[in-house]
Amino acid sequence: MSTKLESAPQIFEPEYYQRLYDIEENHWWAQGMRDAMVALLRKPTANMKNIQVLDIGCGTGYLLDFVQKQYPLAEEPIGLDYSEHALKFCEMRGATKLVLGSATDVPIPSASVDLIICIDTLQHLAGAGADDKAIAEFKRLLKPGGLVYLRTNSSWGRVALKGADKNQYRRYDVPTVTKMLRQAGFVVERATYLNTLPSAFGALREYVNAFRNRGRHHHDHDHGHDHHGHEHGHDHGHDHGHGNGHSHGLTNETKAIGPGLAIKNYAKNLSWLNRLMHTELAMEAALLNANIDLPFGHSSGFVARKP
């Protein structure tokens, strides 16, 4: 399976996908998030056999192989991504069922998929209401009784100060995404924050940096440097959030292209730290496996079923 789009825009720079391809298997955060996914899907998928899985926003494709090992009786998973660069790495991993396309308009027949996995994609979709449109598309694609596993970012602990968020995309909270899924007609079976302990330290660091930057901004303004006007100009040029009163969580601008998330290769340079961080997330996964939801975090995970 291969579908091509003419001049498809890219989300991240090509170098980002190379870094992701190199370390995704062993990086503590990627390992921990896979542990969380397995824990959240264990009970809902217990009786699912010979299933067709679709990974929307599959990136470099490591999850396609991982899912095949988790569900050995399943069909080969389908990977969809908006980036030709990403799909080339999927091909390097041996994936053959690949689609170049958008989460809001998937060129796959209705009611043809048993399980959709959508990882850190919803927040990057450009245009007001694009996230709602994607969720409606998930429902169209799924067979009755089919599942979607959705992971996205979280507004918890994020600083709503100008310049504090360098990633520039939508942020959500768990109640908001839960409501979005229910409004689309899904039955939400799990809804939880993820990445709890690392997020607590990250939130503290973010607040400290934001207030430090705010103090620097006031100092520059007092000396005649007008950064504020420049920033507003950038906002208006790239505002793909939910305007006109239709806001999901904290909404920021979306960059059409960028370097991607910062990736520190602890797996190679500080293997002991990589193991330590993964151990913490493995403990979180154990709680999730025991049906205990997490109270806060910079990520969130959802399992929802199409009736």
C-alpha atoms as a PDB file:
ATOM      1  CA  MET A   1       0.000   0.000   0.000  1.00  0.00           C
ATOM      2  CA  SER A   2       1.437   3.356  -0.982  1.00  0.00           C
ATOM      3  CA  THR A   3      -0.353   6.656  -1.497  1.00  0.00           C
ATOM      4  CA  LYS A   4       1.436   9.791  -2.689  1.00  0.00           C
ATOM      5  CA  LEU A   5       0.430  13.418  -2.298  1.00  0.00           C
ATOM      6  CA  GLU A   6       1.880  16.112  -4.520  1.00  0.00           C
ATOM      7  CA  SER A   7       4.156  18.540  -2.670  1.00  0.00           C
ATOM      8  CA  ALA A   8       3.089  17.397   0.782  1.00  0.00           C
ATOM      9  CA  PRO A   9       4.317  19.897   3.391  1.00  0.00           C
ATOM     10  CA  GLN A  10       6.781  18.702   5.997  1.00  0.00           C
ATOM     11  CA  ILE A  11       6.270  19.117   9.739  1.00  0.00           C
ATOM     12  CA  PHE A  12       9.861  18.768  10.929  1.00  0.00           C
ATOM     13  CA  GLU A  13      13.267  19.137   9.321  1.00  0.00           C
ATOM     14  CA  PRO A  14      14.791  15.938   7.823  1.00  0.00           C
ATOM     15  CA  GLU A  15      17.535  15.869  10.464  1.00  0.00           C
ATOM     16  CA  TYR A  16      14.908  15.377  13.166  1.00  0.00           C
ATOM     17  CA  TYR A  17      13.735  12.111  11.657  1.00  0.00           C
ATOM     18  CA  GLN A  18      17.303  10.839  11.452  1.00  0.00           C
ATOM     19  CA  ARG A  19      17.822  11.542  15.164  1.00  0.00           C
ATOM     20  CA  LEU A  20      14.516   9.889  16.004  1.00  0.00           C
ATOM     21  CA  TYR A  21      15.346   6.843  13.881  1.00  0.00           C
ATOM     22  CA  ASP A  22      18.724   6.477  15.587  1.00  0.00           C
ATOM     23  CA  ILE A  23      17.554   6.474  19.210  1.00  0.00           C
ATOM     24  CA  GLU A  24      13.815   5.730  19.334  1.00  0.00           C
ATOM     25  CA  GLU A  25      14.298   2.077  20.232  1.00  0.00           C
ATOM     26  CA  ASN A  26      16.397   2.667  23.361  1.00  0.00           C
ATOM     27  CA  HIS A  27      15.568   6.192  24.541  1.00  0.00           C
ATOM     28  CA  TRP A  28      14.069   6.155  28.052  1.00  0.00           C
ATOM     29  CA  TRP A  29      11.110   8.359  27.200  1.00  0.00           C
ATOM     30  CA  ALA A  30      10.167   6.407  24.077  1.00  0.00           C
ATOM     31  CA  GLN A  31      10.484   3.139  26.005  1.00  0.00           C
ATOM     32  CA  GLY A  32       8.379   4.469  28.866  1.00  0.00           C
ATOM     33  CA  MET A  33       5.639   5.761  26.593  1.00  0.00           C
ATOM     34  CA  ARG A  34       5.474   2.382  24.858  1.00  0.00           C
ATOM     35  CA  ASP A  35       5.163   0.734  28.272  1.00  0.00           C
ATOM     36  CA  ALA A  36       2.241   3.053  29.040  1.00  0.00           C
ATOM     37  CA  MET A  37       0.543   2.241  25.748  1.00  0.00           C
ATOM     38  CA  VAL A  38       0.855  -1.503  26.332  1.00  0.00           C
ATOM     39  CA  ALA A  39      -0.547  -1.127  29.852  1.00  0.00           C
ATOM     40  CA  LEU A  40      -3.519   0.960  28.734  1.00  0.00           C
ATOM     41  CA  LEU A  41      -4.365  -1.344  25.822  1.00  0.00           C
ATOM     42  CA  ARG A  42      -3.844  -4.675  27.587  1.00  0.00           C
ATOM     43  CA  LYS A  43      -7.420  -5.204  28.797  1.00  0.00           C
ATOM     44  CA  PRO A  44      -9.304  -3.458  25.953  1.00  0.00           C
ATOM     45  CA  THR A  45      -7.494  -5.526  23.293  1.00  0.00           C
ATOM     46  CA  ALA A  46      -7.412  -8.828  25.205  1.00  0.00           C
ATOM     47  CA  ASN A  47      -9.934 -10.525  22.911  1.00  0.00           C
ATOM     48  CA  MET A  48      -8.894  -8.894  19.635  1.00  0.00           C
ATOM     49  CA  LYS A  49      -7.394 -11.286  17.046  1.00  0.00           C
ATOM     50  CA  ASN A  50      -6.346 -10.894  13.411  1.00  0.00           C
ATOM     51  CA  ILE A  51      -6.687  -7.144  13.727  1.00  0.00           C
ATOM     52  CA  GLN A  52      -5.719  -4.359  11.352  1.00  0.00           C
ATOM     53  CA  VAL A  53      -3.771  -1.606  13.121  1.00  0.00           C
ATOM     54  CA  LEU A  54      -3.322   1.905  11.707  1.00  0.00           C
ATOM     55  CA  ASP A  55      -0.625   4.189  13.126  1.00  0.00           C
ATOM     56  CA  ILE A  56      -1.578   7.778  12.288  1.00  0.00           C
ATOM     57  CA  GLY A  57       1.497   9.986  12.468  1.00  0.00           C
ATOM     58  CA  CYS A  58       3.807   6.969  12.396  1.00  0.00           C
ATOM     59  CA  GLY A  59       7.042   8.977  12.179  1.00  0.00           C
ATOM     60  CA  THR A  60      10.053   6.775  11.444  1.00  0.00           C
ATOM     61  CA  GLY A  61       8.043   3.608  11.964  1.00  0.00           C
ATOM     62  CA  TYR A  62       9.516   1.962  15.032  1.00  0.00           C
ATOM     63  CA  LEU A  63       6.046   1.544  16.506  1.00  0.00           C
ATOM     64  CA  LEU A  64       4.882  -0.381  13.433  1.00  0.00           C
ATOM     65  CA  ASP A  65       7.339  -3.168  14.181  1.00  0.00           C
ATOM     66  CA  PHE A  66       6.655  -2.931  17.915  1.00  0.00           C
ATOM     67  CA  VAL A  67       2.904  -3.317  17.407  1.00  0.00           C
ATOM     68  CA  GLN A  68       3.433  -6.308  15.130  1.00  0.00           C
ATOM     69  CA  LYS A  69       5.324  -8.024  17.952  1.00  0.00           C
ATOM     70  CA  GLN A  70       2.623  -7.124  20.477  1.00  0.00           C
ATOM     71  CA  TYR A  71      -0.090  -8.571  18.247  1.00  0.00           C
ATOM     72  CA  PRO A  72       1.634 -11.387  16.323  1.00  0.00           C
ATOM     73  CA  LEU A  73      -1.642 -12.600  14.804  1.00  0.00           C
ATOM     74  CA  ALA A  74      -2.467  -9.148  13.445  1.00  0.00           C
ATOM     75  CA  GLU A  75      -2.201  -8.010   9.852  1.00  0.00           C
ATOM     76  CA  GLU A  76       0.854  -5.926   9.011  1.00  0.00           C
ATOM     77  CA  PRO A  77       0.157  -2.472  10.513  1.00  0.00           C
ATOM     78  CA  ILE A  78      -0.520   0.472   8.218  1.00  0.00           C
ATOM     79  CA  GLY A  79       1.602   3.559   8.789  1.00  0.00           C
ATOM     80  CA  LEU A  80       0.396   7.029   7.805  1.00  0.00           C
ATOM     81  CA  ASP A  81       2.442  10.209   8.007  1.00  0.00           C
ATOM     82  CA  TYR A  82       2.426  13.675   6.446  1.00  0.00           C
ATOM     83  CA  SER A  83       6.185  13.593   5.873  1.00  0.00           C
ATOM     84  CA  GLU A  84       7.891  11.822   3.003  1.00  0.00           C
ATOM     85  CA  HIS A  85      11.105  11.947   5.031  1.00  0.00           C
ATOM     86  CA  ALA A  86       9.468   9.967   7.828  1.00  0.00           C
ATOM     87  CA  LEU A  87       8.065   7.315   5.498  1.00  0.00           C
ATOM     88  CA  LYS A  88      11.491   6.724   3.955  1.00  0.00           C
ATOM     89  CA  PHE A  89      12.727   5.666   7.387  1.00  0.00           C
ATOM     90  CA  CYS A  90       9.678   3.398   7.742  1.00  0.00           C
ATOM     91  CA  GLU A  91      10.720   1.696   4.512  1.00  0.00           C
ATOM     92  CA  MET A  92      14.224   1.247   5.910  1.00  0.00           C
ATOM     93  CA  ARG A  93      12.652  -0.682   8.791  1.00  0.00           C
ATOM     94  CA  GLY A  94      10.916  -2.989   6.328  1.00  0.00           C
ATOM     95  CA  ALA A  95       7.402  -1.519   6.476  1.00  0.00           C
ATOM     96  CA  THR A  96       5.423  -1.878   3.250  1.00  0.00           C
ATOM     97  CA  LYS A  97       1.895  -0.682   4.083  1.00  0.00           C
ATOM     98  CA  LEU A  98       2.583   3.053   4.112  1.00  0.00           C
ATOM     99  CA  VAL A  99       0.359   6.009   3.285  1.00  0.00           C
ATOM    100  CA  LEU A 100       1.399   9.622   2.773  1.00  0.00           C
ATOM    101  CA  GLY A 101      -1.481  11.720   4.035  1.00  0.00           C
ATOM    102  CA  SER A 102      -3.137  13.809   6.715  1.00  0.00           C
ATOM    103  CA  ALA A 103      -4.882  12.679   9.882  1.00  0.00           C
ATOM    104  CA  THR A 104      -7.853  14.810   8.872  1.00  0.00           C
ATOM    105  CA  ASP A 105      -8.358  13.096   5.494  1.00  0.00           C
ATOM    106  CA  VAL A 106      -7.072   9.519   5.535  1.00  0.00           C
ATOM    107  CA  PRO A 107      -7.256   7.773   2.125  1.00  0.00           C
ATOM    108  CA  ILE A 108      -8.398   4.462   3.615  1.00  0.00           C
ATOM    109  CA  PRO A 109     -11.921   2.943   3.398  1.00  0.00           C
ATOM    110  CA  SER A 110     -14.416   3.441   6.199  1.00  0.00           C
ATOM    111  CA  ALA A 111     -14.828   0.745   8.863  1.00  0.00           C
ATOM    112  CA  SER A 112     -11.639  -1.037   7.776  1.00  0.00           C
ATOM    113  CA  VAL A 113      -9.451  -0.715  10.898  1.00  0.00           C
ATOM    114  CA  ASP A 114      -9.647  -2.429  14.301  1.00  0.00           C
ATOM    115  CA  LEU A 115      -7.135  -0.309  16.244  1.00  0.00           C
ATOM    116  CA  ILE A 116      -5.888   3.213  15.564  1.00  0.00           C
ATOM    117  CA  ILE A 117      -2.775   4.486  17.295  1.00  0.00           C
ATOM    118  CA  CYS A 118      -2.189   8.229  17.163  1.00  0.00           C
ATOM    119  CA  ILE A 119       0.882   9.419  19.054  1.00  0.00           C
ATOM    120  CA  ASP A 120       1.685  13.113  19.565  1.00  0.00           C
ATOM    121  CA  THR A 121       0.007  14.117  16.316  1.00  0.00           C
ATOM    122  CA  LEU A 122      -3.232  15.827  17.331  1.00  0.00           C
ATOM    123  CA  GLN A 123      -1.477  18.950  18.643  1.00  0.00           C
ATOM    124  CA  HIS A 124       0.360  19.550  15.348  1.00  0.00           C
ATOM    125  CA  LEU A 125      -2.677  19.641  13.053  1.00  0.00           C
ATOM    126  CA  ALA A 126      -3.011  23.031  11.372  1.00  0.00           C
ATOM    127  CA  GLY A 127      -6.278  24.932  11.228  1.00  0.00           C
ATOM    128  CA  ALA A 128      -9.113  25.674  13.621  1.00  0.00           C
ATOM    129  CA  GLY A 129     -11.066  22.524  14.372  1.00  0.00           C
ATOM    130  CA  ALA A 130      -8.535  20.215  12.696  1.00  0.00           C
ATOM    131  CA  ASP A 131      -8.202  18.140  15.855  1.00  0.00           C
ATOM    132  CA  ASP A 132     -11.974  17.576  16.013  1.00  0.00           C
ATOM    133  CA  LYS A 133     -11.924  16.651  12.331  1.00  0.00           C
ATOM    134  CA  ALA A 134      -9.167  14.105  12.945  1.00  0.00           C
ATOM    135  CA  ILE A 135     -11.113  12.480  15.786  1.00  0.00           C
ATOM    136  CA  ALA A 136     -14.165  12.241  13.518  1.00  0.00           C
ATOM    137  CA  GLU A 137     -11.924  10.605  10.926  1.00  0.00           C
ATOM    138  CA  PHE A 138     -10.786   8.046  13.502  1.00  0.00           C
ATOM    139  CA  LYS A 139     -14.407   7.092  14.065  1.00  0.00           C
ATOM    140  CA  ARG A 140     -15.044   6.758  10.331  1.00  0.00           C
ATOM    141  CA  LEU A 141     -12.051   4.466   9.859  1.00  0.00           C
ATOM    142  CA  LEU A 142     -12.795   2.124  12.766  1.00  0.00           C
ATOM    143  CA  LYS A 143     -14.987  -0.935  12.586  1.00  0.00           C
ATOM    144  CA  PRO A 144     -17.801  -1.110  15.164  1.00  0.00           C
ATOM    145  CA  GLY A 145     -16.157  -2.024  18.459  1.00  0.00           C
ATOM    146  CA  GLY A 146     -12.795  -0.746  17.224  1.00  0.00           C
ATOM    147  CA  LEU A 147     -10.399   1.172  19.461  1.00  0.00           C
ATOM    148  CA  VAL A 148      -8.312   4.300  19.243  1.00  0.00           C
ATOM    149  CA  TYR A 149      -5.261   4.853  21.433  1.00  0.00           C
ATOM    150  CA  LEU A 150      -4.578   8.574  21.478  1.00  0.00           C
ATOM    151  CA  ARG A 151      -1.600  10.198  23.141  1.00  0.00           C
ATOM    152  CA  THR A 152      -1.096  13.916  23.111  1.00  0.00           C
ATOM    153  CA  ASN A 153       0.559  16.646  25.129  1.00  0.00           C
ATOM    154  CA  SER A 154      -0.821  18.261  28.245  1.00  0.00           C
ATOM    155  CA  SER A 155      -1.201  21.820  29.453  1.00  0.00           C
ATOM    156  CA  TRP A 156      -0.536  20.718  33.032  1.00  0.00           C
ATOM    157  CA  GLY A 157       2.234  22.748  34.630  1.00  0.00           C
ATOM    158  CA  ARG A 158       2.875  24.726  31.466  1.00  0.00           C
ATOM    159  CA  VAL A 159       3.587  28.414  31.797  1.00  0.00           C
ATOM    160  CA  ALA A 160       1.190  30.647  29.886  1.00  0.00           C
ATOM    161  CA  LEU A 161       3.794  33.371  29.541  1.00  0.00           C
ATOM    162  CA  LYS A 162       5.061  34.646  26.220  1.00  0.00           C
ATOM    163  CA  GLY A 163       8.230  32.889  25.178  1.00  0.00           C
ATOM    164  CA  ALA A 164       7.849  30.051  27.679  1.00  0.00           C
ATOM    165  CA  ASP A 165       6.744  27.465  25.133  1.00  0.00           C
ATOM    166  CA  LYS A 166       9.260  26.957  22.344  1.00  0.00           C
ATOM    167  CA  ASN A 167       7.345  24.159  20.653  1.00  0.00           C
ATOM    168  CA  GLN A 168       4.387  26.371  19.643  1.00  0.00           C
ATOM    169  CA  TYR A 169       1.421  24.055  19.244  1.00  0.00           C
ATOM    170  CA  ARG A 170      -1.887  23.282  20.939  1.00  0.00           C
ATOM    171  CA  ARG A 171      -1.935  21.976  24.483  1.00  0.00           C
ATOM    172  CA  TYR A 172      -4.758  20.015  26.066  1.00  0.00           C
ATOM    173  CA  ASP A 173      -5.894  18.707  29.412  1.00  0.00           C
ATOM    174  CA  VAL A 174      -7.452  15.303  30.070  1.00  0.00           C
ATOM    175  CA  PRO A 175     -11.056  16.532  30.577  1.00  0.00           C
ATOM    176  CA  THR A 176     -10.938  18.473  27.295  1.00  0.00           C
ATOM    177  CA  VAL A 177      -9.782  15.548  25.159  1.00  0.00           C
ATOM    178  CA  THR A 178     -12.211  13.233  26.943  1.00  0.00           C
ATOM    179  CA  LYS A 179     -15.036  15.602  26.010  1.00  0.00           C
ATOM    180  CA  MET A 180     -13.827  15.809  22.394  1.00  0.00           C
ATOM    181  CA  LEU A 181     -13.838  12.023  22.081  1.00  0.00           C
ATOM    182  CA  ARG A 182     -17.300  11.689  23.612  1.00  0.00           C
ATOM    183  CA  GLN A 183     -18.735  14.413  21.406  1.00  0.00           C
ATOM    184  CA  ALA A 184     -17.437  12.473  18.396  1.00  0.00           C
ATOM    185  CA  GLY A 185     -19.397   9.432  19.567  1.00  0.00           C
ATOM    186  CA  PHE A 186     -16.654   7.426  21.273  1.00  0.00           C
ATOM    187  CA  VAL A 187     -16.951   5.596  24.575  1.00  0.00           C
ATOM    188  CA  VAL A 188     -13.884   6.606  26.594  1.00  0.00           C
ATOM    189  CA  GLU A 189     -12.482   3.624  28.517  1.00  0.00           C
ATOM    190  CA  ARG A 190      -9.248   5.166  29.849  1.00  0.00           C
ATOM    191  CA  ALA A 191      -8.162   8.785  30.247  1.00  0.00           C
ATOM    192  CA  THR A 192      -5.017   9.608  32.194  1.00  0.00           C
ATOM    193  CA  TYR A 193      -2.024  11.874  32.422  1.00  0.00           C
ATOM    194  CA  LEU A 194       1.387  10.345  31.665  1.00  0.00           C
ATOM    195  CA  ASN A 195       5.047  11.106  32.339  1.00  0.00           C
ATOM    196  CA  THR A 196       4.235  12.252  35.860  1.00  0.00           C
ATOM    197  CA  LEU A 197       7.471  12.524  37.844  1.00  0.00           C
ATOM    198  CA  PRO A 198       9.669  13.883  35.019  1.00  0.00           C
ATOM    199  CA  SER A 199       6.922  16.429  34.324  1.00  0.00           C
ATOM    200  CA  ALA A 200       7.001  17.699  37.907  1.00  0.00           C
ATOM    201  CA  PHE A 201      10.689  18.564  37.595  1.00  0.00           C
ATOM    202  CA  GLY A 202      10.153  19.925  34.099  1.00  0.00           C
ATOM    203  CA  ALA A 203       7.306  22.182  35.228  1.00  0.00           C
ATOM    204  CA  LEU A 204       9.434  23.654  38.004  1.00  0.00           C
ATOM    205  CA  ARG A 205      12.248  24.369  35.561  1.00  0.00           C
ATOM    206  CA  GLU A 206       9.805  25.901  33.073  1.00  0.00           C
ATOM    207  CA  TYR A 207       8.328  28.286  35.636  1.00  0.00           C
ATOM    208  CA  VAL A 208      11.785  29.393  36.768  1.00  0.00           C
ATOM    209  CA  ASN A 209      12.912  30.021  33.190  1.00  0.00           C
ATOM    210  CA  ALA A 210       9.688  31.793  32.249  1.00  0.00           C
ATOM    211  CA  PHE A 211       9.842  34.248  35.130  1.00  0.00           C
ATOM    212  CA  ARG A 212      13.529  34.829  34.434  1.00  0.00           C
ATOM    213  CA  ASN A 213      12.681  35.571  30.786  1.00  0.00           C
ATOM    214  CA  ARG A 214       9.839  37.852  31.834  1.00  0.00           C
ATOM    215  CA  GLY A 215      12.229  39.859  33.980  1.00  0.00           C
ATOM    216  CA  ARG A 216      14.649  40.112  31.061  1.00  0.00           C
ATOM    217  CA  HIS A 217      11.791  41.220  28.781  1.00  0.00           C
ATOM    218  CA  HIS A 218      10.801  44.045  31.136  1.00  0.00           C
ATOM    219  CA  HIS A 219      14.438  45.130  31.348  1.00  0.00           C
ATOM    220  CA  ASP A 220      14.735  45.266  27.542  1.00  0.00           C
ATOM    221  CA  HIS A 221      11.426  47.128  27.230  1.00  0.00           C
ATOM    222  CA  ASP A 222      12.590  49.755  29.693  1.00  0.00           C
ATOM    223  CA  HIS A 223      15.631  50.302  27.485  1.00  0.00           C
ATOM    224  CA  GLY A 224      13.608  50.791  24.309  1.00  0.00           C
ATOM    225  CA  HIS A 225      13.677  47.259  22.834  1.00  0.00           C
ATOM    226  CA  ASP A 226      10.199  46.417  21.535  1.00  0.00           C
ATOM    227  CA  HIS A 227      10.133  42.610  21.343  1.00  0.00           C
ATOM    228  CA  HIS A 228       6.413  42.523  22.106  1.00  0.00           C
ATOM    229  CA  GLY A 229       5.340  43.884  18.747  1.00  0.00           C
ATOM    230  CA  HIS A 230       7.572  41.454  16.881  1.00  0.00           C
ATOM    231  CA  GLU A 231       6.119  38.514  18.751  1.00  0.00           C
ATOM    232  CA  HIS A 232       2.566  39.535  18.000  1.00  0.00           C
ATOM    233  CA  GLY A 233       3.446  39.752  14.325  1.00  0.00           C
ATOM    234  CA  HIS A 234       4.715  36.189  14.476  1.00  0.00           C
ATOM    235  CA  ASP A 235       1.523  35.074  16.175  1.00  0.00           C
ATOM    236  CA  HIS A 236      -0.735  36.435  13.491  1.00  0.00           C
ATOM    237  CA  GLY A 237       1.350  34.836  10.785  1.00  0.00           C
ATOM    238  CA  HIS A 238       1.200  31.325  12.242  1.00  0.00           C
ATOM    239  CA  ASP A 239      -1.941  31.102  14.328  1.00  0.00           C
ATOM    240  CA  HIS A 240      -3.521  27.699  13.729  1.00  0.00           C
ATOM    241  CA  GLY A 241      -5.225  27.464  17.106  1.00  0.00           C
ATOM    242  CA  HIS A 242      -8.908  27.464  18.003  1.00  0.00           C
ATOM    243  CA  GLY A 243     -10.039  31.015  17.520  1.00  0.00           C
ATOM    244  CA  ASN A 244     -13.535  32.458  17.678  1.00  0.00           C
ATOM    245  CA  GLY A 245     -14.280  31.000  21.088  1.00  0.00           C
ATOM    246  CA  HIS A 246     -13.510  27.411  20.069  1.00  0.00           C
ATOM    247  CA  SER A 247     -10.519  26.708  22.277  1.00  0.00           C
ATOM    248  CA  HIS A 248      -9.315  23.310  23.430  1.00  0.00           C
ATOM    249  CA  GLY A 249      -7.054  23.809  26.436  1.00  0.00           C
ATOM    250  CA  LEU A 250      -4.220  26.281  26.035  1.00  0.00           C
ATOM    251  CA  THR A 251      -3.879  27.031  22.338  1.00  0.00           C
ATOM    252  CA  ASN A 252      -0.653  28.295  20.830  1.00  0.00           C
ATOM    253  CA  GLU A 253       0.556  28.722  17.264  1.00  0.00           C
ATOM    254  CA  THR A 254       1.680  25.804  15.122  1.00  0.00           C
ATOM    255  CA  LYS A 255       4.925  25.980  13.187  1.00  0.00           C
ATOM    256  CA  ALA A 256       4.702  24.521   9.691  1.00  0.00           C
ATOM    257  CA  ILE A 257       8.266  23.292   9.918  1.00  0.00           C
ATOM    258  CA  GLY A 258      10.797  23.111  12.709  1.00  0.00           C
ATOM    259  CA  PRO A 259      13.627  21.119  14.246  1.00  0.00           C
ATOM    260  CA  GLY A 260      11.294  18.918  16.291  1.00  0.00           C
ATOM    261  CA  LEU A 261      11.404  18.162  19.971  1.00  0.00           C
ATOM    262  CA  ALA A 262      14.740  18.257  21.744  1.00  0.00           C
ATOM    263  CA  ILE A 263      16.160  14.744  21.996  1.00  0.00           C
ATOM    264  CA  LYS A 264      18.970  14.022  24.438  1.00  0.00           C
ATOM    265  CA  ASN A 265      20.689  10.731  23.700  1.00  0.00           C
ATOM    266  CA  TYR A 266      21.103   9.417  27.239  1.00  0.00           C
ATOM    267  CA  ALA A 267      20.880   5.886  25.846  1.00  0.00           C
ATOM    268  CA  LYS A 268      24.298   6.311  24.235  1.00  0.00           C
ATOM    269  CA  ASN A 269      26.158   8.773  26.433  1.00  0.00           C
ATOM    270  CA  LEU A 270      24.683   8.189  29.899  1.00  0.00           C
ATOM    271  CA  SER A 271      23.239   4.693  29.825  1.00  0.00           C
ATOM    272  CA  TRP A 272      22.812   4.584  33.615  1.00  0.00           C
ATOM    273  CA  LEU A 273      20.679   7.736  33.513  1.00  0.00           C
ATOM    274  CA  ASN A 274      18.670   6.335  30.620  1.00  0.00           C
ATOM    275  CA  ARG A 275      17.942   3.188  32.668  1.00  0.00           C
ATOM    276  CA  LEU A 276      17.046   5.234  35.743  1.00  0.00           C
ATOM    277  CA  MET A 277      14.577   7.429  33.867  1.00  0.00           C
ATOM    278  CA  HIS A 278      13.026   4.424  32.158  1.00  0.00           C
ATOM    279  CA  THR A 279      12.617   2.689  35.520  1.00  0.00           C
ATOM    280  CA  GLU A 280      10.477   5.577  36.771  1.00  0.00           C
ATOM    281  CA  LEU A 281       8.215   5.411  33.723  1.00  0.00           C
ATOM    282  CA  ALA A 282       8.027   1.619  34.016  1.00  0.00           C
ATOM    283  CA  MET A 283       6.654   2.150  37.531  1.00  0.00           C
ATOM    284  CA  GLU A 284       4.021   4.475  36.084  1.00  0.00           C
ATOM    285  CA  ALA A 285       3.107   1.782  33.557  1.00  0.00           C
ATOM    286  CA  ALA A 286       2.661  -0.702  36.397  1.00  0.00           C
ATOM    287  CA  LEU A 287       0.148   1.654  38.011  1.00  0.00           C
ATOM    288  CA  LEU A 288      -1.682   2.049  34.710  1.00  0.00           C
ATOM    289  CA  ASN A 289      -1.717  -1.718  34.319  1.00  0.00           C
ATOM    290  CA  ALA A 290      -3.414  -1.906  37.735  1.00  0.00           C
ATOM    291  CA  ASN A 291      -6.130   0.436  36.410  1.00  0.00           C
ATOM    292  CA  ILE A 292      -4.785   3.427  38.377  1.00  0.00           C
ATOM    293  CA  ASP A 293      -4.819   6.706  36.446  1.00  0.00           C
ATOM    294  CA  LEU A 294      -2.089   9.294  37.001  1.00  0.00           C
ATOM    295  CA  PRO A 295      -3.011  12.731  38.429  1.00  0.00           C
ATOM    296  CA  PHE A 296      -0.779  15.020  36.341  1.00  0.00           C
ATOM    297  CA  GLY A 297       1.882  15.045  33.651  1.00  0.00           C
ATOM    298  CA  HIS A 298       3.078  16.697  30.452  1.00  0.00           C
ATOM    299  CA  SER A 299       1.515  13.924  28.343  1.00  0.00           C
ATOM    300  CA  SER A 300      -1.881  12.251  28.365  1.00  0.00           C
ATOM    301  CA  GLY A 301      -3.217   8.956  27.060  1.00  0.00           C
ATOM    302  CA  PHE A 302      -6.708   7.842  26.061  1.00  0.00           C
ATOM    303  CA  VAL A 303      -8.377   4.604  25.017  1.00  0.00           C
ATOM    304  CA  ALA A 304     -11.746   5.072  23.330  1.00  0.00           C
ATOM    305  CA  ARG A 305     -14.064   2.608  21.599  1.00  0.00           C
ATOM    306  CA  LYS A 306     -16.404   3.082  18.670  1.00  0.00           C
ATOM    307  CA  PRO A 307     -19.811   1.656  19.672  1.00  0.00           C
END
